[in-house]
Amino acid sequence: MVVSSLKWRLDAEGVRETPEFQGVLSLWHDAELVYIGHTKGNSSLRDNLRRFLSLREQGALRATHMSWEITVTPKTREGDLLQHYRQKHGVLPVYNRPAAAIQAA
């Protein structure tokens, strides 16, 4: 179970083409899933991905691709995806782990 959009390059053009809706997103470093997150408050997928692109440009995040899914229950969907990932791999994605720097950002 993964976020159901195609994988797109995490770059300015890809972020610009991301819809301004709430949902869940995944970040990838090449073929490795490194983060699963959801939009919070009034933020959109595009807002969140713009922030992650900025973190990557600052060297605080290693991600090459993104995927996203529009949903009316982003927090619940994120929880389902994280639970499935943990069951399959025994750990959370690297940037979802409690000590990950991205959690503090």
PDB file of N, CA and C in Angstrom:
ATOM      1  N   MET A   1       0.849  -1.175   0.000  1.00  0.00           N
ATOM      2  CA  MET A   1       0.000   0.000   0.000  1.00  0.00           C
ATOM      3  C   MET A   1       0.897   1.242   0.000  1.00  0.00           C
ATOM      4  N   VAL A   2       0.761   2.074  -0.988  1.00  0.00           N
ATOM      5  CA  VAL A   2       1.505   3.326  -1.084  1.00  0.00           C
ATOM      6  C   VAL A   2       0.566   4.434  -1.514  1.00  0.00           C
ATOM      7  N   VAL A   3       1.022   5.655  -1.375  1.00  0.00           N
ATOM      8  CA  VAL A   3       0.243   6.780  -1.884  1.00  0.00           C
ATOM      9  C   VAL A   3       0.018   6.539  -3.361  1.00  0.00           C
ATOM     10  N   SER A   4      -1.189   6.813  -3.835  1.00  0.00           N
ATOM     11  CA  SER A   4      -1.592   6.269  -5.129  1.00  0.00           C
ATOM     12  C   SER A   4      -1.297   7.113  -6.360  1.00  0.00           C
ATOM     13  N   SER A   5      -0.551   8.193  -6.255  1.00  0.00           N
ATOM     14  CA  SER A   5      -0.202   8.893  -7.484  1.00  0.00           C
ATOM     15  C   SER A   5       1.098   8.335  -8.036  1.00  0.00           C
ATOM     16  N   LEU A   6       1.426   8.741  -9.222  1.00  0.00           N
ATOM     17  CA  LEU A   6       2.711   8.392  -9.798  1.00  0.00           C
ATOM     18  C   LEU A   6       3.813   9.065  -9.000  1.00  0.00           C
ATOM     19  N   LYS A   7       5.032   8.578  -9.135  1.00  0.00           N
ATOM     20  CA  LYS A   7       6.154   9.277  -8.528  1.00  0.00           C
ATOM     21  C   LYS A   7       6.600  10.376  -9.482  1.00  0.00           C
ATOM     22  N   TRP A   8       6.795  11.563  -8.928  1.00  0.00           N
ATOM     23  CA  TRP A   8       7.250  12.711  -9.682  1.00  0.00           C
ATOM     24  C   TRP A   8       8.583  13.168  -9.105  1.00  0.00           C
ATOM     25  N   ARG A   9       9.405  13.792  -9.920  1.00  0.00           N
ATOM     26  CA  ARG A   9      10.648  14.376  -9.402  1.00  0.00           C
ATOM     27  C   ARG A   9      10.295  15.479  -8.412  1.00  0.00           C
ATOM     28  N   LEU A  10      11.013  15.525  -7.332  1.00  0.00           N
ATOM     29  CA  LEU A  10      10.829  16.596  -6.367  1.00  0.00           C
ATOM     30  C   LEU A  10      11.639  17.785  -6.841  1.00  0.00           C
ATOM     31  N   ASP A  11      10.996  18.618  -7.639  1.00  0.00           N
ATOM     32  CA  ASP A  11      11.627  19.828  -8.155  1.00  0.00           C
ATOM     33  C   ASP A  11      10.558  20.915  -8.272  1.00  0.00           C
ATOM     34  N   ALA A  12      10.975  22.121  -8.626  1.00  0.00           N
ATOM     35  CA  ALA A  12      10.049  23.261  -8.664  1.00  0.00           C
ATOM     36  C   ALA A  12       8.875  23.011  -9.606  1.00  0.00           C
ATOM     37  N   GLU A  13       9.141  22.432 -10.763  1.00  0.00           N
ATOM     38  CA  GLU A  13       8.063  22.170 -11.719  1.00  0.00           C
ATOM     39  C   GLU A  13       7.065  21.154 -11.168  1.00  0.00           C
ATOM     40  N   GLY A  14       7.560  20.070 -10.595  1.00  0.00           N
ATOM     41  CA  GLY A  14       6.676  19.062 -10.016  1.00  0.00           C
ATOM     42  C   GLY A  14       5.823  19.619  -8.892  1.00  0.00           C
ATOM     43  N   VAL A  15       6.421  20.438  -8.043  1.00  0.00           N
ATOM     44  CA  VAL A  15       5.675  21.053  -6.944  1.00  0.00           C
ATOM     45  C   VAL A  15       4.627  22.006  -7.504  1.00  0.00           C
ATOM     46  N   ARG A  16       4.987  22.792  -8.487  1.00  0.00           N
ATOM     47  CA  ARG A  16       4.054  23.746  -9.090  1.00  0.00           C
ATOM     48  C   ARG A  16       2.836  23.029  -9.690  1.00  0.00           C
ATOM     49  N   GLU A  17       3.018  21.827 -10.190  1.00  0.00           N
ATOM     50  CA  GLU A  17       1.927  21.074 -10.812  1.00  0.00           C
ATOM     51  C   GLU A  17       1.101  20.260  -9.817  1.00  0.00           C
ATOM     52  N   THR A  18       1.501  20.280  -8.557  1.00  0.00           N
ATOM     53  CA  THR A  18       0.773  19.554  -7.522  1.00  0.00           C
ATOM     54  C   THR A  18      -0.489  20.337  -7.161  1.00  0.00           C
ATOM     55  N   PRO A  19      -1.612  19.650  -6.984  1.00  0.00           N
ATOM     56  CA  PRO A  19      -2.859  20.359  -6.688  1.00  0.00           C
ATOM     57  C   PRO A  19      -2.864  21.004  -5.300  1.00  0.00           C
ATOM     58  N   GLU A  20      -3.686  22.013  -5.173  1.00  0.00           N
ATOM     59  CA  GLU A  20      -3.830  22.711  -3.892  1.00  0.00           C
ATOM     60  C   GLU A  20      -5.018  22.134  -3.126  1.00  0.00           C
ATOM     61  N   PHE A  21      -4.907  20.859  -2.793  1.00  0.00           N
ATOM     62  CA  PHE A  21      -5.915  20.153  -2.015  1.00  0.00           C
ATOM     63  C   PHE A  21      -5.236  19.516  -0.809  1.00  0.00           C
ATOM     64  N   GLN A  22      -6.027  19.098   0.135  1.00  0.00           N
ATOM     65  CA  GLN A  22      -5.491  18.358   1.273  1.00  0.00           C
ATOM     66  C   GLN A  22      -5.299  16.908   0.881  1.00  0.00           C
ATOM     67  N   GLY A  23      -4.360  16.250   1.557  1.00  0.00           N
ATOM     68  CA  GLY A  23      -4.116  14.854   1.260  1.00  0.00           C
ATOM     69  C   GLY A  23      -2.903  14.314   1.990  1.00  0.00           C
ATOM     70  N   VAL A  24      -2.381  13.227   1.469  1.00  0.00           N
ATOM     71  CA  VAL A  24      -1.175  12.613   2.003  1.00  0.00           C
ATOM     72  C   VAL A  24      -0.097  12.660   0.930  1.00  0.00           C
ATOM     73  N   LEU A  25       1.143  12.651   1.382  1.00  0.00           N
ATOM     74  CA  LEU A  25       2.252  12.691   0.440  1.00  0.00           C
ATOM     75  C   LEU A  25       3.340  11.748   0.906  1.00  0.00           C
ATOM     76  N   SER A  26       4.128  11.318  -0.045  1.00  0.00           N
ATOM     77  CA  SER A  26       5.287  10.478   0.245  1.00  0.00           C
ATOM     78  C   SER A  26       6.495  11.089  -0.424  1.00  0.00           C
ATOM     79  N   LEU A  27       7.623  10.986   0.248  1.00  0.00           N
ATOM     80  CA  LEU A  27       8.894  11.415  -0.319  1.00  0.00           C
ATOM     81  C   LEU A  27       9.766  10.184  -0.499  1.00  0.00           C
ATOM     82  N   TRP A  28      10.511  10.176  -1.560  1.00  0.00           N
ATOM     83  CA  TRP A  28      11.349   9.050  -1.934  1.00  0.00           C
ATOM     84  C   TRP A  28      12.771   9.535  -2.178  1.00  0.00           C
ATOM     85  N   HIS A  29      13.733   8.723  -1.806  1.00  0.00           N
ATOM     86  CA  HIS A  29      15.112   8.951  -2.221  1.00  0.00           C
ATOM     87  C   HIS A  29      15.429   7.823  -3.188  1.00  0.00           C
ATOM     88  N   ASP A  30      15.420   8.147  -4.453  1.00  0.00           N
ATOM     89  CA  ASP A  30      15.489   7.150  -5.526  1.00  0.00           C
ATOM     90  C   ASP A  30      14.337   6.171  -5.339  1.00  0.00           C
ATOM     91  N   ALA A  31      14.588   4.903  -5.076  1.00  0.00           N
ATOM     92  CA  ALA A  31      13.511   3.923  -4.944  1.00  0.00           C
ATOM     93  C   ALA A  31      13.086   3.689  -3.492  1.00  0.00           C
ATOM     94  N   GLU A  32      13.734   4.351  -2.534  1.00  0.00           N
ATOM     95  CA  GLU A  32      13.441   4.137  -1.113  1.00  0.00           C
ATOM     96  C   GLU A  32      12.430   5.158  -0.603  1.00  0.00           C
ATOM     97  N   LEU A  33      11.341   4.683  -0.019  1.00  0.00           N
ATOM     98  CA  LEU A  33      10.361   5.557   0.607  1.00  0.00           C
ATOM     99  C   LEU A  33      10.965   6.088   1.903  1.00  0.00           C
ATOM    100  N   VAL A  34      11.080   7.424   2.038  1.00  0.00           N
ATOM    101  CA  VAL A  34      11.744   8.003   3.209  1.00  0.00           C
ATOM    102  C   VAL A  34      10.806   8.808   4.101  1.00  0.00           C
ATOM    103  N   TYR A  35       9.596   9.122   3.647  1.00  0.00           N
ATOM    104  CA  TYR A  35       8.669   9.914   4.472  1.00  0.00           C
ATOM    105  C   TYR A  35       7.239   9.754   3.974  1.00  0.00           C
ATOM    106  N   ILE A  36       6.320   9.659   4.933  1.00  0.00           N
ATOM    107  CA  ILE A  36       4.883   9.689   4.666  1.00  0.00           C
ATOM    108  C   ILE A  36       4.307  10.772   5.559  1.00  0.00           C
ATOM    109  N   GLY A  37       3.546  11.705   4.989  1.00  0.00           N
ATOM    110  CA  GLY A  37       2.980  12.782   5.785  1.00  0.00           C
ATOM    111  C   GLY A  37       1.614  13.192   5.284  1.00  0.00           C
ATOM    112  N   HIS A  38       0.976  14.066   6.040  1.00  0.00           N
ATOM    113  CA  HIS A  38      -0.341  14.560   5.650  1.00  0.00           C
ATOM    114  C   HIS A  38      -0.385  16.080   5.774  1.00  0.00           C
ATOM    115  N   THR A  39      -1.301  16.683   5.055  1.00  0.00           N
ATOM    116  CA  THR A  39      -1.496  18.120   5.150  1.00  0.00           C
ATOM    117  C   THR A  39      -2.179  18.421   6.481  1.00  0.00           C
ATOM    118  N   LYS A  40      -1.825  19.560   7.055  1.00  0.00           N
ATOM    119  CA  LYS A  40      -2.394  19.956   8.343  1.00  0.00           C
ATOM    120  C   LYS A  40      -3.076  21.306   8.193  1.00  0.00           C
ATOM    121  N   GLY A  41      -4.149  21.516   8.944  1.00  0.00           N
ATOM    122  CA  GLY A  41      -4.846  22.795   8.916  1.00  0.00           C
ATOM    123  C   GLY A  41      -5.316  23.135   7.518  1.00  0.00           C
ATOM    124  N   ASN A  42      -5.007  24.344   7.095  1.00  0.00           N
ATOM    125  CA  ASN A  42      -5.415  24.805   5.767  1.00  0.00           C
ATOM    126  C   ASN A  42      -4.329  24.620   4.721  1.00  0.00           C
ATOM    127  N   SER A  43      -3.256  23.924   5.058  1.00  0.00           N
ATOM    128  CA  SER A  43      -2.167  23.757   4.087  1.00  0.00           C
ATOM    129  C   SER A  43      -2.565  22.753   3.011  1.00  0.00           C
ATOM    130  N   SER A  44      -1.980  22.926   1.839  1.00  0.00           N
ATOM    131  CA  SER A  44      -2.269  22.038   0.710  1.00  0.00           C
ATOM    132  C   SER A  44      -1.073  21.130   0.452  1.00  0.00           C
ATOM    133  N   LEU A  45      -1.287  20.158  -0.399  1.00  0.00           N
ATOM    134  CA  LEU A  45      -0.181  19.309  -0.829  1.00  0.00           C
ATOM    135  C   LEU A  45       0.941  20.164  -1.409  1.00  0.00           C
ATOM    136  N   ARG A  46       0.588  21.135  -2.231  1.00  0.00           N
ATOM    137  CA  ARG A  46       1.592  22.004  -2.846  1.00  0.00           C
ATOM    138  C   ARG A  46       2.377  22.774  -1.782  1.00  0.00           C
ATOM    139  N   ASP A  47       1.677  23.325  -0.772  1.00  0.00           N
ATOM    140  CA  ASP A  47       2.355  24.048   0.311  1.00  0.00           C
ATOM    141  C   ASP A  47       3.378  23.157   1.004  1.00  0.00           C
ATOM    142  N   ASN A  48       2.953  21.946   1.338  1.00  0.00           N
ATOM    143  CA  ASN A  48       3.837  21.012   2.034  1.00  0.00           C
ATOM    144  C   ASN A  48       5.040  20.640   1.179  1.00  0.00           C
ATOM    145  N   LEU A  49       4.798  20.338  -0.078  1.00  0.00           N
ATOM    146  CA  LEU A  49       5.907  19.942  -0.949  1.00  0.00           C
ATOM    147  C   LEU A  49       6.856  21.104  -1.211  1.00  0.00           C
ATOM    148  N   ARG A  50       6.348  22.309  -1.252  1.00  0.00           N
ATOM    149  CA  ARG A  50       7.209  23.493  -1.392  1.00  0.00           C
ATOM    150  C   ARG A  50       8.158  23.587  -0.195  1.00  0.00           C
ATOM    151  N   ARG A  51       7.637  23.316   1.004  1.00  0.00           N
ATOM    152  CA  ARG A  51       8.456  23.344   2.219  1.00  0.00           C
ATOM    153  C   ARG A  51       9.515  22.242   2.176  1.00  0.00           C
ATOM    154  N   PHE A  52       9.125  21.047   1.731  1.00  0.00           N
ATOM    155  CA  PHE A  52      10.093  19.948   1.655  1.00  0.00           C
ATOM    156  C   PHE A  52      11.160  20.214   0.596  1.00  0.00           C
ATOM    157  N   LEU A  53      10.776  20.827  -0.498  1.00  0.00           N
ATOM    158  CA  LEU A  53      11.755  21.191  -1.524  1.00  0.00           C
ATOM    159  C   LEU A  53      12.765  22.180  -0.942  1.00  0.00           C
ATOM    160  N   SER A  54      12.295  23.132  -0.163  1.00  0.00           N
ATOM    161  CA  SER A  54      13.180  24.096   0.488  1.00  0.00           C
ATOM    162  C   SER A  54      14.131  23.394   1.462  1.00  0.00           C
ATOM    163  N   LEU A  55      13.613  22.449   2.243  1.00  0.00           N
ATOM    164  CA  LEU A  55      14.463  21.692   3.167  1.00  0.00           C
ATOM    165  C   LEU A  55      15.534  20.908   2.416  1.00  0.00           C
ATOM    166  N   ARG A  56      15.144  20.345   1.277  1.00  0.00           N
ATOM    167  CA  ARG A  56      16.128  19.611   0.481  1.00  0.00           C
ATOM    168  C   ARG A  56      17.208  20.545  -0.044  1.00  0.00           C
ATOM    169  N   GLU A  57      16.803  21.703  -0.520  1.00  0.00           N
ATOM    170  CA  GLU A  57      17.773  22.668  -1.036  1.00  0.00           C
ATOM    171  C   GLU A  57      18.716  23.164   0.053  1.00  0.00           C
ATOM    172  N   GLN A  58      18.272  23.156   1.315  1.00  0.00           N
ATOM    173  CA  GLN A  58      19.107  23.556   2.448  1.00  0.00           C
ATOM    174  C   GLN A  58      19.998  22.413   2.928  1.00  0.00           C
ATOM    175  N   GLY A  59      19.803  21.222   2.367  1.00  0.00           N
ATOM    176  CA  GLY A  59      20.590  20.061   2.767  1.00  0.00           C
ATOM    177  C   GLY A  59      20.050  19.333   3.986  1.00  0.00           C
ATOM    178  N   ALA A  60      18.836  19.673   4.430  1.00  0.00           N
ATOM    179  CA  ALA A  60      18.243  19.053   5.611  1.00  0.00           C
ATOM    180  C   ALA A  60      17.428  17.807   5.285  1.00  0.00           C
ATOM    181  N   LEU A  61      17.292  17.482   4.014  1.00  0.00           N
ATOM    182  CA  LEU A  61      16.432  16.378   3.582  1.00  0.00           C
ATOM    183  C   LEU A  61      17.017  15.766   2.325  1.00  0.00           C
ATOM    184  N   ARG A  62      17.052  14.447   2.294  1.00  0.00           N
ATOM    185  CA  ARG A  62      17.482  13.747   1.088  1.00  0.00           C
ATOM    186  C   ARG A  62      16.255  13.099   0.460  1.00  0.00           C
ATOM    187  N   ALA A  63      15.776  13.682  -0.608  1.00  0.00           N
ATOM    188  CA  ALA A  63      14.632  13.136  -1.339  1.00  0.00           C
ATOM    189  C   ALA A  63      14.764  13.545  -2.795  1.00  0.00           C
ATOM    190  N   THR A  64      14.427  12.615  -3.680  1.00  0.00           N
ATOM    191  CA  THR A  64      14.529  12.872  -5.111  1.00  0.00           C
ATOM    192  C   THR A  64      13.172  12.901  -5.797  1.00  0.00           C
ATOM    193  N   HIS A  65      12.181  12.235  -5.196  1.00  0.00           N
ATOM    194  CA  HIS A  65      10.866  12.100  -5.816  1.00  0.00           C
ATOM    195  C   HIS A  65       9.766  12.292  -4.783  1.00  0.00           C
ATOM    196  N   MET A  66       8.564  12.471  -5.277  1.00  0.00           N
ATOM    197  CA  MET A  66       7.391  12.647  -4.422  1.00  0.00           C
ATOM    198  C   MET A  66       6.204  11.929  -5.054  1.00  0.00           C
ATOM    199  N   SER A  67       5.249  11.612  -4.217  1.00  0.00           N
ATOM    200  CA  SER A  67       3.951  11.142  -4.685  1.00  0.00           C
ATOM    201  C   SER A  67       2.912  11.686  -3.718  1.00  0.00           C
ATOM    202  N   TRP A  68       1.672  11.747  -4.142  1.00  0.00           N
ATOM    203  CA  TRP A  68       0.631  12.329  -3.307  1.00  0.00           C
ATOM    204  C   TRP A  68      -0.718  11.711  -3.644  1.00  0.00           C
ATOM    205  N   GLU A  69      -1.642  11.917  -2.726  1.00  0.00           N
ATOM    206  CA  GLU A  69      -3.003  11.413  -2.890  1.00  0.00           C
ATOM    207  C   GLU A  69      -3.954  12.401  -2.227  1.00  0.00           C
ATOM    208  N   ILE A  70      -4.959  12.810  -2.929  1.00  0.00           N
ATOM    209  CA  ILE A  70      -5.980  13.688  -2.372  1.00  0.00           C
ATOM    210  C   ILE A  70      -6.934  12.843  -1.532  1.00  0.00           C
ATOM    211  N   THR A  71      -7.240  13.319  -0.331  1.00  0.00           N
ATOM    212  CA  THR A  71      -8.193  12.627   0.532  1.00  0.00           C
ATOM    213  C   THR A  71      -8.833  13.628   1.483  1.00  0.00           C
ATOM    214  N   VAL A  72     -10.066  13.357   1.895  1.00  0.00           N
ATOM    215  CA  VAL A  72     -10.741  14.230   2.853  1.00  0.00           C
ATOM    216  C   VAL A  72     -10.365  13.864   4.290  1.00  0.00           C
ATOM    217  N   THR A  73      -9.640  12.764   4.467  1.00  0.00           N
ATOM    218  CA  THR A  73      -9.197  12.336   5.798  1.00  0.00           C
ATOM    219  C   THR A  73      -7.676  12.120   5.791  1.00  0.00           C
ATOM    220  N   PRO A  74      -6.895  13.192   5.600  1.00  0.00           N
ATOM    221  CA  PRO A  74      -5.449  13.017   5.443  1.00  0.00           C
ATOM    222  C   PRO A  74      -4.751  12.388   6.643  1.00  0.00           C
ATOM    223  N   LYS A  75      -5.122  12.773   7.858  1.00  0.00           N
ATOM    224  CA  LYS A  75      -4.448  12.225   9.041  1.00  0.00           C
ATOM    225  C   LYS A  75      -4.721  10.728   9.184  1.00  0.00           C
ATOM    226  N   THR A  76      -5.956  10.331   8.949  1.00  0.00           N
ATOM    227  CA  THR A  76      -6.318   8.914   9.026  1.00  0.00           C
ATOM    228  C   THR A  76      -5.598   8.109   7.943  1.00  0.00           C
ATOM    229  N   ARG A  77      -5.579   8.629   6.742  1.00  0.00           N
ATOM    230  CA  ARG A  77      -4.911   7.933   5.629  1.00  0.00           C
ATOM    231  C   ARG A  77      -3.411   7.813   5.891  1.00  0.00           C
ATOM    232  N   GLU A  78      -2.800   8.882   6.425  1.00  0.00           N
ATOM    233  CA  GLU A  78      -1.381   8.816   6.778  1.00  0.00           C
ATOM    234  C   GLU A  78      -1.153   7.705   7.802  1.00  0.00           C
ATOM    235  N   GLY A  79      -2.000   7.629   8.819  1.00  0.00           N
ATOM    236  CA  GLY A  79      -1.867   6.585   9.837  1.00  0.00           C
ATOM    237  C   GLY A  79      -1.950   5.185   9.235  1.00  0.00           C
ATOM    238  N   ASP A  80      -2.888   4.991   8.319  1.00  0.00           N
ATOM    239  CA  ASP A  80      -3.021   3.693   7.647  1.00  0.00           C
ATOM    240  C   ASP A  80      -1.753   3.346   6.868  1.00  0.00           C
ATOM    241  N   LEU A  81      -1.222   4.328   6.137  1.00  0.00           N
ATOM    242  CA  LEU A  81      -0.015   4.090   5.334  1.00  0.00           C
ATOM    243  C   LEU A  81       1.201   3.795   6.216  1.00  0.00           C
ATOM    244  N   LEU A  82       1.336   4.540   7.317  1.00  0.00           N
ATOM    245  CA  LEU A  82       2.461   4.305   8.228  1.00  0.00           C
ATOM    246  C   LEU A  82       2.356   2.933   8.893  1.00  0.00           C
ATOM    247  N   GLN A  83       1.148   2.554   9.291  1.00  0.00           N
ATOM    248  CA  GLN A  83       0.945   1.249   9.902  1.00  0.00           C
ATOM    249  C   GLN A  83       1.309   0.131   8.927  1.00  0.00           C
ATOM    250  N   HIS A  84       0.863   0.268   7.692  1.00  0.00           N
ATOM    251  CA  HIS A  84       1.177  -0.747   6.675  1.00  0.00           C
ATOM    252  C   HIS A  84       2.687  -0.821   6.431  1.00  0.00           C
ATOM    253  N   TYR A  85       3.333   0.321   6.337  1.00  0.00           N
ATOM    254  CA  TYR A  85       4.785   0.352   6.108  1.00  0.00           C
ATOM    255  C   TYR A  85       5.510  -0.332   7.269  1.00  0.00           C
ATOM    256  N   ARG A  86       5.121   0.004   8.508  1.00  0.00           N
ATOM    257  CA  ARG A  86       5.781  -0.587   9.684  1.00  0.00           C
ATOM    258  C   ARG A  86       5.572  -2.106   9.726  1.00  0.00           C
ATOM    259  N   GLN A  87       4.378  -2.564   9.400  1.00  0.00           N
ATOM    260  CA  GLN A  87       4.114  -4.005   9.385  1.00  0.00           C
ATOM    261  C   GLN A  87       4.988  -4.710   8.344  1.00  0.00           C
ATOM    262  N   LYS A  88       5.168  -4.082   7.215  1.00  0.00           N
ATOM    263  CA  LYS A  88       5.935  -4.689   6.131  1.00  0.00           C
ATOM    264  C   LYS A  88       7.441  -4.640   6.379  1.00  0.00           C
ATOM    265  N   HIS A  89       7.940  -3.515   6.945  1.00  0.00           N
ATOM    266  CA  HIS A  89       9.386  -3.312   7.062  1.00  0.00           C
ATOM    267  C   HIS A  89       9.916  -3.387   8.490  1.00  0.00           C
ATOM    268  N   GLY A  90       9.030  -3.380   9.482  1.00  0.00           N
ATOM    269  CA  GLY A  90       9.467  -3.451  10.873  1.00  0.00           C
ATOM    270  C   GLY A  90       9.893  -2.121  11.474  1.00  0.00           C
ATOM    271  N   VAL A  91       9.983  -1.080  10.673  1.00  0.00           N
ATOM    272  CA  VAL A  91      10.348   0.268  11.123  1.00  0.00           C
ATOM    273  C   VAL A  91       9.546   1.279  10.316  1.00  0.00           C
ATOM    274  N   LEU A  92       9.569   2.515  10.784  1.00  0.00           N
ATOM    275  CA  LEU A  92       8.953   3.594  10.019  1.00  0.00           C
ATOM    276  C   LEU A  92       9.931   4.100   8.966  1.00  0.00           C
ATOM    277  N   PRO A  93       9.438   4.821   7.943  1.00  0.00           N
ATOM    278  CA  PRO A  93      10.362   5.460   6.996  1.00  0.00           C
ATOM    279  C   PRO A  93      11.332   6.367   7.763  1.00  0.00           C
ATOM    280  N   VAL A  94      12.511   6.547   7.242  1.00  0.00           N
ATOM    281  CA  VAL A  94      13.586   7.225   7.959  1.00  0.00           C
ATOM    282  C   VAL A  94      13.191   8.599   8.507  1.00  0.00           C
ATOM    283  N   TYR A  95      12.460   9.411   7.765  1.00  0.00           N
ATOM    284  CA  TYR A  95      12.091  10.741   8.247  1.00  0.00           C
ATOM    285  C   TYR A  95      10.818  10.753   9.081  1.00  0.00           C
ATOM    286  N   ASN A  96      10.186   9.610   9.289  1.00  0.00           N
ATOM    287  CA  ASN A  96       9.057   9.501  10.210  1.00  0.00           C
ATOM    288  C   ASN A  96       9.499   9.004  11.578  1.00  0.00           C
ATOM    289  N   ARG A  97      10.736   8.623  11.725  1.00  0.00           N
ATOM    290  CA  ARG A  97      11.235   8.125  13.005  1.00  0.00           C
ATOM    291  C   ARG A  97      11.383   9.287  13.974  1.00  0.00           C
ATOM    292  N   PRO A  98      11.161   9.046  15.266  1.00  0.00           N
ATOM    293  CA  PRO A  98      11.165  10.128  16.252  1.00  0.00           C
ATOM    294  C   PRO A  98      12.411  11.006  16.261  1.00  0.00           C
ATOM    295  N   ALA A  99      13.571  10.466  16.018  1.00  0.00           N
ATOM    296  CA  ALA A  99      14.811  11.250  16.070  1.00  0.00           C
ATOM    297  C   ALA A  99      15.118  11.983  14.765  1.00  0.00           C
ATOM    298  N   ALA A 100      14.281  11.841  13.763  1.00  0.00           N
ATOM    299  CA  ALA A 100      14.558  12.447  12.453  1.00  0.00           C
ATOM    300  C   ALA A 100      14.468  13.961  12.524  1.00  0.00           C
ATOM    301  N   ALA A 101      15.411  14.635  11.882  1.00  0.00           N
ATOM    302  CA  ALA A 101      15.462  16.099  11.878  1.00  0.00           C
ATOM    303  C   ALA A 101      14.215  16.697  11.241  1.00  0.00           C
ATOM    304  N   ILE A 102      13.640  16.025  10.255  1.00  0.00           N
ATOM    305  CA  ILE A 102      12.478  16.567   9.561  1.00  0.00           C
ATOM    306  C   ILE A 102      11.272  16.690  10.506  1.00  0.00           C
ATOM    307  N   GLN A 103      11.220  15.873  11.554  1.00  0.00           N
ATOM    308  CA  GLN A 103      10.127  15.950  12.500  1.00  0.00           C
ATOM    309  C   GLN A 103      10.137  17.282  13.249  1.00  0.00           C
ATOM    310  N   ALA A 104      11.326  17.830  13.472  1.00  0.00           N
ATOM    311  CA  ALA A 104      11.441  19.095  14.187  1.00  0.00           C
ATOM    312  C   ALA A 104      11.199  20.291  13.275  1.00  0.00           C
ATOM    313  N   ALA A 105      11.311  20.091  11.976  1.00  0.00           N
ATOM    314  CA  ALA A 105      11.193  21.214  11.021  1.00  0.00           C
ATOM    315  C   ALA A 105       9.754  21.669  10.872  1.00  0.00           C
TER     316      ALA A 105
END
